[in-house]
């Protein structure tokens, strides 16, 4: 059980494809066509070579837990949806992203477990927030 709908993210022109991709079940990430870096958190220029030849690619939606923490109290988060598991997930494509793990017992979470993406719609219904669940 998770808190749904999620608060709407702050969306910029650079990040809109990331947030709207989830409405169709697509986890979109960026790739620099100059240096081939694949990265998460949208930006107009490659964070490595600073090139502006970037494209959107669909990620597999699979990865592993790189790091995580469990919060038993979170201001503004519904008590029924605690504890909250926040994690860095390393995608199979390489980049890591900060997310939540859902539909899991926090005691069963460990570094290195396999996870896959699912999406929770934002409160305004215009975007979908990627969260992960163990597989």
N, C-alpha and C. Protein backbone atom coordinates (compact mmCIF):
# COMPACT_ATOMS: atom_id res chain seq x y z
N UNK A 1 0.85 -1.17 0.00
CA UNK A 1 0.00 0.00 0.00
C UNK A 1 0.89 1.23 0.00
N UNK A 2 0.61 2.17 -0.86
CA UNK A 2 1.38 3.41 -0.92
C UNK A 2 0.43 4.59 -1.02
N UNK A 3 0.97 5.74 -0.77
CA UNK A 3 0.17 6.95 -0.81
C UNK A 3 -0.05 7.35 -2.26
N UNK A 4 -1.29 7.28 -2.67
CA UNK A 4 -1.63 7.67 -4.03
C UNK A 4 -2.84 8.57 -3.97
N UNK A 5 -2.98 9.57 -4.76
CA UNK A 5 -1.99 9.96 -5.77
C UNK A 5 -0.82 10.71 -5.15
N UNK A 6 0.28 10.70 -5.84
CA UNK A 6 1.48 11.41 -5.40
C UNK A 6 1.33 12.90 -5.70
N UNK A 7 1.97 13.76 -4.89
CA UNK A 7 1.98 15.18 -5.22
C UNK A 7 2.59 15.39 -6.60
N UNK A 8 2.09 16.38 -7.33
CA UNK A 8 2.59 16.66 -8.67
C UNK A 8 4.03 17.15 -8.60
N UNK A 9 4.90 16.66 -9.49
CA UNK A 9 6.29 17.12 -9.51
C UNK A 9 6.39 18.52 -10.12
N UNK A 10 7.51 19.16 -9.87
CA UNK A 10 7.81 20.41 -10.54
C UNK A 10 8.34 20.03 -11.92
N UNK A 11 7.64 20.45 -12.96
CA UNK A 11 7.97 20.03 -14.32
C UNK A 11 8.54 21.20 -15.11
N UNK A 12 9.67 20.95 -15.77
CA UNK A 12 10.30 21.93 -16.65
C UNK A 12 10.20 21.41 -18.08
N UNK A 13 10.48 22.24 -19.08
CA UNK A 13 10.47 21.73 -20.45
C UNK A 13 11.44 20.56 -20.64
N UNK A 14 12.57 20.58 -19.93
CA UNK A 14 13.55 19.51 -20.06
C UNK A 14 13.08 18.22 -19.41
N UNK A 15 12.26 18.31 -18.36
CA UNK A 15 11.86 17.11 -17.62
C UNK A 15 10.49 16.56 -17.99
N UNK A 16 9.73 17.27 -18.79
CA UNK A 16 8.37 16.83 -19.10
C UNK A 16 8.31 15.42 -19.69
N UNK A 17 9.17 15.04 -20.65
CA UNK A 17 9.10 13.66 -21.17
C UNK A 17 9.34 12.60 -20.09
N UNK A 18 10.17 12.91 -19.10
CA UNK A 18 10.42 11.98 -18.00
C UNK A 18 9.14 11.74 -17.21
N UNK A 19 8.45 12.83 -16.86
CA UNK A 19 7.26 12.72 -16.02
C UNK A 19 6.04 12.20 -16.78
N UNK A 20 5.91 12.53 -18.05
CA UNK A 20 4.74 12.07 -18.80
C UNK A 20 4.92 10.65 -19.33
N UNK A 21 6.15 10.17 -19.45
CA UNK A 21 6.39 8.82 -19.94
C UNK A 21 5.72 7.76 -19.10
N UNK A 22 5.68 7.99 -17.80
CA UNK A 22 5.08 7.02 -16.90
C UNK A 22 3.61 6.82 -17.12
N UNK A 23 2.93 7.79 -17.70
CA UNK A 23 1.51 7.64 -17.98
C UNK A 23 1.27 6.49 -18.95
N UNK A 24 2.29 6.20 -19.78
CA UNK A 24 2.21 5.08 -20.73
C UNK A 24 3.04 3.88 -20.25
N UNK A 25 3.56 3.95 -19.03
CA UNK A 25 4.36 2.86 -18.51
C UNK A 25 5.80 2.87 -18.99
N UNK A 26 6.28 4.02 -19.48
CA UNK A 26 7.64 4.13 -20.01
C UNK A 26 8.53 4.89 -19.03
N UNK A 27 9.64 4.28 -18.65
CA UNK A 27 10.66 4.98 -17.86
C UNK A 27 11.64 5.56 -18.86
N UNK A 28 11.60 6.85 -19.01
CA UNK A 28 12.45 7.53 -19.99
C UNK A 28 13.69 8.10 -19.32
N UNK A 29 14.83 7.87 -19.96
CA UNK A 29 16.09 8.44 -19.50
C UNK A 29 16.76 9.08 -20.70
N UNK A 30 17.85 9.81 -20.47
CA UNK A 30 18.51 10.49 -21.57
C UNK A 30 19.85 9.85 -21.89
N UNK A 31 20.23 10.01 -23.17
CA UNK A 31 21.53 9.54 -23.66
C UNK A 31 22.15 10.64 -24.49
N UNK A 32 23.43 10.88 -24.24
CA UNK A 32 24.17 11.85 -25.03
C UNK A 32 24.68 11.15 -26.29
N UNK A 33 24.35 11.69 -27.44
CA UNK A 33 24.80 11.06 -28.69
C UNK A 33 26.24 11.43 -29.02
N UNK A 34 26.82 12.39 -28.28
CA UNK A 34 28.23 12.75 -28.49
C UNK A 34 29.17 11.80 -27.75
N UNK A 35 28.84 11.47 -26.48
CA UNK A 35 29.76 10.65 -25.68
C UNK A 35 29.13 9.34 -25.19
N UNK A 36 27.88 9.10 -25.54
CA UNK A 36 27.15 7.88 -25.18
C UNK A 36 26.81 7.73 -23.69
N UNK A 37 26.97 8.77 -22.90
CA UNK A 37 26.59 8.69 -21.50
C UNK A 37 25.07 8.56 -21.39
N UNK A 38 24.62 7.62 -20.58
CA UNK A 38 23.20 7.46 -20.27
C UNK A 38 23.01 8.00 -18.87
N UNK A 39 22.04 8.89 -18.68
CA UNK A 39 21.89 9.52 -17.37
C UNK A 39 20.42 9.77 -17.03
N UNK A 40 20.21 9.97 -15.74
CA UNK A 40 18.88 10.26 -15.21
C UNK A 40 18.95 11.64 -14.57
N UNK A 41 17.87 12.25 -14.60
CA UNK A 41 17.47 13.58 -14.23
C UNK A 41 17.76 14.47 -15.43
N UNK A 42 16.69 14.75 -16.10
CA UNK A 42 16.74 15.43 -17.39
C UNK A 42 17.42 16.79 -17.33
N UNK A 43 18.15 17.04 -18.38
CA UNK A 43 18.78 18.35 -18.56
C UNK A 43 19.05 18.54 -20.04
N UNK A 44 19.23 19.78 -20.41
CA UNK A 44 19.39 20.11 -21.83
C UNK A 44 20.78 19.75 -22.35
N UNK A 45 21.76 19.64 -21.44
CA UNK A 45 23.14 19.36 -21.85
C UNK A 45 23.65 18.14 -21.09
N UNK A 46 24.50 17.39 -21.74
CA UNK A 46 25.11 16.21 -21.12
C UNK A 46 25.90 16.64 -19.88
N UNK A 47 25.71 15.96 -18.74
CA UNK A 47 26.47 16.34 -17.54
C UNK A 47 27.94 15.95 -17.60
N UNK A 48 28.34 15.16 -18.61
CA UNK A 48 29.73 14.73 -18.72
C UNK A 48 30.51 15.60 -19.71
N UNK A 49 30.06 15.62 -20.96
CA UNK A 49 30.80 16.36 -21.99
C UNK A 49 30.21 17.74 -22.28
N UNK A 50 29.07 18.04 -21.67
CA UNK A 50 28.35 19.31 -21.83
C UNK A 50 27.78 19.50 -23.24
N UNK A 51 27.77 18.42 -24.02
CA UNK A 51 27.18 18.50 -25.36
C UNK A 51 25.67 18.68 -25.28
N UNK A 52 25.11 19.23 -26.35
CA UNK A 52 23.66 19.44 -26.37
C UNK A 52 22.95 18.47 -27.30
N UNK A 53 23.63 17.41 -27.71
CA UNK A 53 23.01 16.39 -28.54
C UNK A 53 22.54 15.24 -27.65
N UNK A 54 21.41 15.44 -27.02
CA UNK A 54 20.86 14.43 -26.12
C UNK A 54 19.54 13.91 -26.68
N UNK A 55 19.25 12.66 -26.37
CA UNK A 55 18.01 12.07 -26.84
C UNK A 55 17.35 11.31 -25.71
N UNK A 56 16.05 11.13 -25.81
CA UNK A 56 15.30 10.32 -24.85
C UNK A 56 15.32 8.88 -25.31
N UNK A 57 15.56 7.96 -24.37
CA UNK A 57 15.48 6.54 -24.65
C UNK A 57 14.63 5.89 -23.57
N UNK A 58 14.01 4.78 -23.92
CA UNK A 58 13.20 4.07 -22.94
C UNK A 58 14.08 3.07 -22.19
N UNK A 59 14.08 3.19 -20.87
CA UNK A 59 14.83 2.25 -20.04
C UNK A 59 14.04 0.96 -19.88
N UNK A 60 14.73 -0.09 -19.50
CA UNK A 60 14.07 -1.39 -19.30
C UNK A 60 13.14 -1.37 -18.09
N UNK A 61 13.41 -0.48 -17.15
CA UNK A 61 12.61 -0.44 -15.93
C UNK A 61 13.09 -1.42 -14.87
N UNK A 62 14.22 -2.07 -15.13
CA UNK A 62 14.78 -3.03 -14.17
C UNK A 62 16.09 -2.48 -13.60
N UNK A 63 16.39 -2.91 -12.38
CA UNK A 63 17.62 -2.48 -11.76
C UNK A 63 17.83 -3.19 -10.44
N UNK A 64 18.77 -2.67 -9.64
CA UNK A 64 19.06 -3.22 -8.33
C UNK A 64 19.14 -2.08 -7.32
N UNK A 65 18.88 -2.41 -6.06
CA UNK A 65 18.99 -1.42 -4.99
C UNK A 65 20.47 -1.16 -4.74
N UNK A 66 20.87 0.09 -4.88
CA UNK A 66 22.25 0.50 -4.64
C UNK A 66 22.43 0.90 -3.17
N UNK A 67 21.42 1.60 -2.64
CA UNK A 67 21.43 2.05 -1.25
C UNK A 67 19.99 2.34 -0.85
N UNK A 68 19.69 2.30 0.44
CA UNK A 68 18.32 2.59 0.87
C UNK A 68 18.30 3.01 2.33
N UNK A 69 17.18 3.59 2.72
CA UNK A 69 16.92 3.92 4.12
C UNK A 69 15.43 3.75 4.37
N UNK A 70 15.10 3.50 5.61
CA UNK A 70 13.71 3.31 6.01
C UNK A 70 13.34 4.42 6.99
N UNK A 71 12.27 5.15 6.68
CA UNK A 71 11.79 6.23 7.57
C UNK A 71 10.47 5.79 8.19
N UNK A 72 10.40 5.87 9.51
CA UNK A 72 9.19 5.49 10.22
C UNK A 72 8.30 6.68 10.52
N UNK A 73 8.83 7.89 10.35
CA UNK A 73 8.07 9.12 10.49
C UNK A 73 8.48 10.06 9.37
N UNK A 74 7.49 10.58 8.65
CA UNK A 74 7.76 11.52 7.57
C UNK A 74 6.69 12.59 7.64
N UNK A 75 7.09 13.84 7.83
CA UNK A 75 6.13 14.94 7.92
C UNK A 75 5.31 15.02 6.64
N UNK A 76 3.99 15.01 6.77
CA UNK A 76 3.12 15.16 5.62
C UNK A 76 2.80 13.86 4.90
N UNK A 77 3.44 12.78 5.28
CA UNK A 77 3.20 11.49 4.65
C UNK A 77 2.16 10.74 5.49
N UNK A 78 1.16 10.15 4.86
CA UNK A 78 0.11 9.46 5.63
C UNK A 78 0.68 8.33 6.49
N UNK A 79 0.27 8.31 7.75
CA UNK A 79 0.77 7.29 8.68
C UNK A 79 0.49 5.87 8.20
N UNK A 80 -0.63 5.68 7.49
CA UNK A 80 -0.98 4.34 7.00
C UNK A 80 0.01 3.83 5.95
N UNK A 81 0.78 4.74 5.36
CA UNK A 81 1.72 4.34 4.31
C UNK A 81 3.17 4.32 4.80
N UNK A 82 3.35 4.32 6.10
CA UNK A 82 4.68 4.21 6.68
C UNK A 82 4.91 2.77 7.13
N UNK A 83 6.13 2.31 7.21
CA UNK A 83 7.36 3.05 6.95
C UNK A 83 7.58 3.28 5.45
N UNK A 84 8.34 4.31 5.16
CA UNK A 84 8.67 4.69 3.79
C UNK A 84 10.08 4.22 3.48
N UNK A 85 10.23 3.49 2.39
CA UNK A 85 11.55 3.02 1.97
C UNK A 85 12.01 3.90 0.82
N UNK A 86 13.03 4.69 1.06
CA UNK A 86 13.65 5.52 0.01
C UNK A 86 14.92 4.81 -0.44
N UNK A 87 15.16 4.83 -1.74
CA UNK A 87 16.30 4.07 -2.25
C UNK A 87 16.92 4.73 -3.47
N UNK A 88 18.21 4.47 -3.64
CA UNK A 88 18.86 4.71 -4.91
C UNK A 88 18.80 3.38 -5.65
N UNK A 89 18.22 3.42 -6.84
CA UNK A 89 18.16 2.23 -7.68
C UNK A 89 19.12 2.44 -8.84
N UNK A 90 19.99 1.45 -9.05
CA UNK A 90 20.88 1.47 -10.20
C UNK A 90 20.19 0.72 -11.33
N UNK A 91 19.84 1.45 -12.37
CA UNK A 91 19.16 0.85 -13.51
C UNK A 91 20.09 -0.08 -14.27
N UNK A 92 19.52 -1.05 -14.96
CA UNK A 92 20.34 -1.96 -15.77
C UNK A 92 21.15 -1.19 -16.81
N UNK A 93 20.65 -0.02 -17.21
CA UNK A 93 21.36 0.80 -18.20
C UNK A 93 22.52 1.58 -17.60
N UNK A 94 22.63 1.60 -16.25
CA UNK A 94 23.78 2.25 -15.62
C UNK A 94 23.47 3.37 -14.65
N UNK A 95 22.63 4.33 -15.01
CA UNK A 95 22.44 5.44 -14.08
C UNK A 95 21.66 5.03 -12.83
N UNK A 96 21.83 5.84 -11.78
CA UNK A 96 21.09 5.62 -10.53
C UNK A 96 20.07 6.74 -10.36
N UNK A 97 18.94 6.37 -9.75
CA UNK A 97 17.95 7.40 -9.45
C UNK A 97 17.37 7.19 -8.07
N UNK A 98 17.01 8.30 -7.43
CA UNK A 98 16.39 8.27 -6.12
C UNK A 98 14.91 8.02 -6.32
N UNK A 99 14.35 7.10 -5.51
CA UNK A 99 12.97 6.68 -5.68
C UNK A 99 12.46 6.11 -4.37
N UNK A 100 11.27 5.57 -4.41
CA UNK A 100 10.72 4.82 -3.27
C UNK A 100 10.55 3.37 -3.68
N UNK A 101 10.72 2.47 -2.71
CA UNK A 101 10.39 1.07 -2.90
C UNK A 101 9.01 0.86 -2.29
N UNK A 102 8.15 0.18 -3.01
CA UNK A 102 6.77 -0.03 -2.57
C UNK A 102 6.42 -1.51 -2.59
N UNK A 103 5.32 -1.84 -1.94
CA UNK A 103 4.82 -3.22 -1.90
C UNK A 103 5.90 -4.20 -1.43
N UNK A 104 6.58 -3.83 -0.36
CA UNK A 104 7.61 -4.71 0.18
C UNK A 104 7.70 -4.50 1.69
N UNK A 105 8.15 -5.52 2.37
CA UNK A 105 8.44 -5.43 3.79
C UNK A 105 9.83 -4.80 3.92
N UNK A 106 9.95 -3.69 4.64
CA UNK A 106 11.27 -3.05 4.76
C UNK A 106 12.35 -3.99 5.28
N UNK A 107 11.96 -5.00 6.07
CA UNK A 107 12.95 -5.95 6.58
C UNK A 107 13.51 -6.85 5.49
N UNK A 108 12.81 -6.94 4.36
CA UNK A 108 13.27 -7.78 3.25
C UNK A 108 14.11 -7.02 2.23
N UNK A 109 14.23 -5.71 2.40
CA UNK A 109 15.02 -4.89 1.47
C UNK A 109 16.50 -5.04 1.81
N UNK A 110 17.32 -5.15 0.78
CA UNK A 110 18.76 -5.26 0.96
C UNK A 110 19.45 -4.67 -0.26
N UNK A 111 20.66 -4.20 -0.07
CA UNK A 111 21.47 -3.74 -1.19
C UNK A 111 21.66 -4.90 -2.15
N UNK A 112 21.44 -4.65 -3.44
CA UNK A 112 21.66 -5.66 -4.46
C UNK A 112 20.42 -6.41 -4.90
N UNK A 113 19.26 -6.23 -4.21
CA UNK A 113 18.07 -6.96 -4.65
C UNK A 113 17.56 -6.38 -5.96
N UNK A 114 16.98 -7.25 -6.77
CA UNK A 114 16.43 -6.84 -8.06
C UNK A 114 15.09 -6.14 -7.86
N UNK A 115 14.86 -5.08 -8.64
CA UNK A 115 13.62 -4.31 -8.57
C UNK A 115 13.17 -3.97 -9.98
N UNK A 116 11.89 -3.62 -10.09
CA UNK A 116 11.37 -3.16 -11.38
C UNK A 116 10.45 -1.97 -11.13
N UNK A 117 10.31 -1.16 -12.16
CA UNK A 117 9.55 0.08 -12.04
C UNK A 117 8.05 -0.16 -12.15
N UNK A 118 7.32 0.69 -11.51
CA UNK A 118 5.89 0.86 -11.73
C UNK A 118 5.63 2.33 -11.51
N UNK A 119 4.46 2.79 -11.86
CA UNK A 119 4.21 4.23 -11.81
C UNK A 119 2.97 4.54 -10.99
N UNK A 120 3.04 5.65 -10.26
CA UNK A 120 1.92 6.14 -9.49
C UNK A 120 1.56 7.52 -10.02
N UNK A 121 0.31 7.70 -10.33
CA UNK A 121 -0.16 8.94 -10.93
C UNK A 121 -0.08 10.08 -9.92
N UNK A 122 0.26 11.27 -10.42
CA UNK A 122 0.29 12.45 -9.57
C UNK A 122 -1.13 12.90 -9.25
N UNK A 123 -1.26 13.75 -8.23
CA UNK A 123 -2.58 14.16 -7.79
C UNK A 123 -3.36 14.91 -8.86
N UNK A 124 -2.68 15.56 -9.80
CA UNK A 124 -3.39 16.27 -10.87
C UNK A 124 -3.65 15.37 -12.08
N UNK A 125 -3.13 14.15 -12.05
CA UNK A 125 -3.38 13.20 -13.12
C UNK A 125 -2.61 13.45 -14.40
N UNK A 126 -1.72 14.44 -14.40
CA UNK A 126 -0.99 14.80 -15.61
C UNK A 126 0.37 14.13 -15.72
N UNK A 127 0.83 13.51 -14.65
CA UNK A 127 2.17 12.93 -14.62
C UNK A 127 2.13 11.62 -13.86
N UNK A 128 3.20 10.83 -13.99
CA UNK A 128 3.31 9.59 -13.25
C UNK A 128 4.71 9.51 -12.64
N UNK A 129 4.76 9.18 -11.37
CA UNK A 129 5.99 9.13 -10.61
C UNK A 129 6.51 7.70 -10.58
N UNK A 130 7.77 7.48 -11.00
CA UNK A 130 8.31 6.13 -10.98
C UNK A 130 8.66 5.70 -9.55
N UNK A 131 8.19 4.52 -9.17
CA UNK A 131 8.56 3.87 -7.92
C UNK A 131 8.97 2.44 -8.30
N UNK A 132 9.61 1.75 -7.39
CA UNK A 132 10.10 0.41 -7.70
C UNK A 132 9.59 -0.59 -6.70
N UNK A 133 9.51 -1.83 -7.13
CA UNK A 133 9.10 -2.93 -6.27
C UNK A 133 10.04 -4.11 -6.49
N UNK A 134 10.34 -4.85 -5.44
CA UNK A 134 11.22 -6.01 -5.60
C UNK A 134 10.60 -7.06 -6.52
N UNK A 135 11.46 -7.79 -7.24
CA UNK A 135 10.99 -8.88 -8.11
C UNK A 135 11.57 -10.20 -7.63
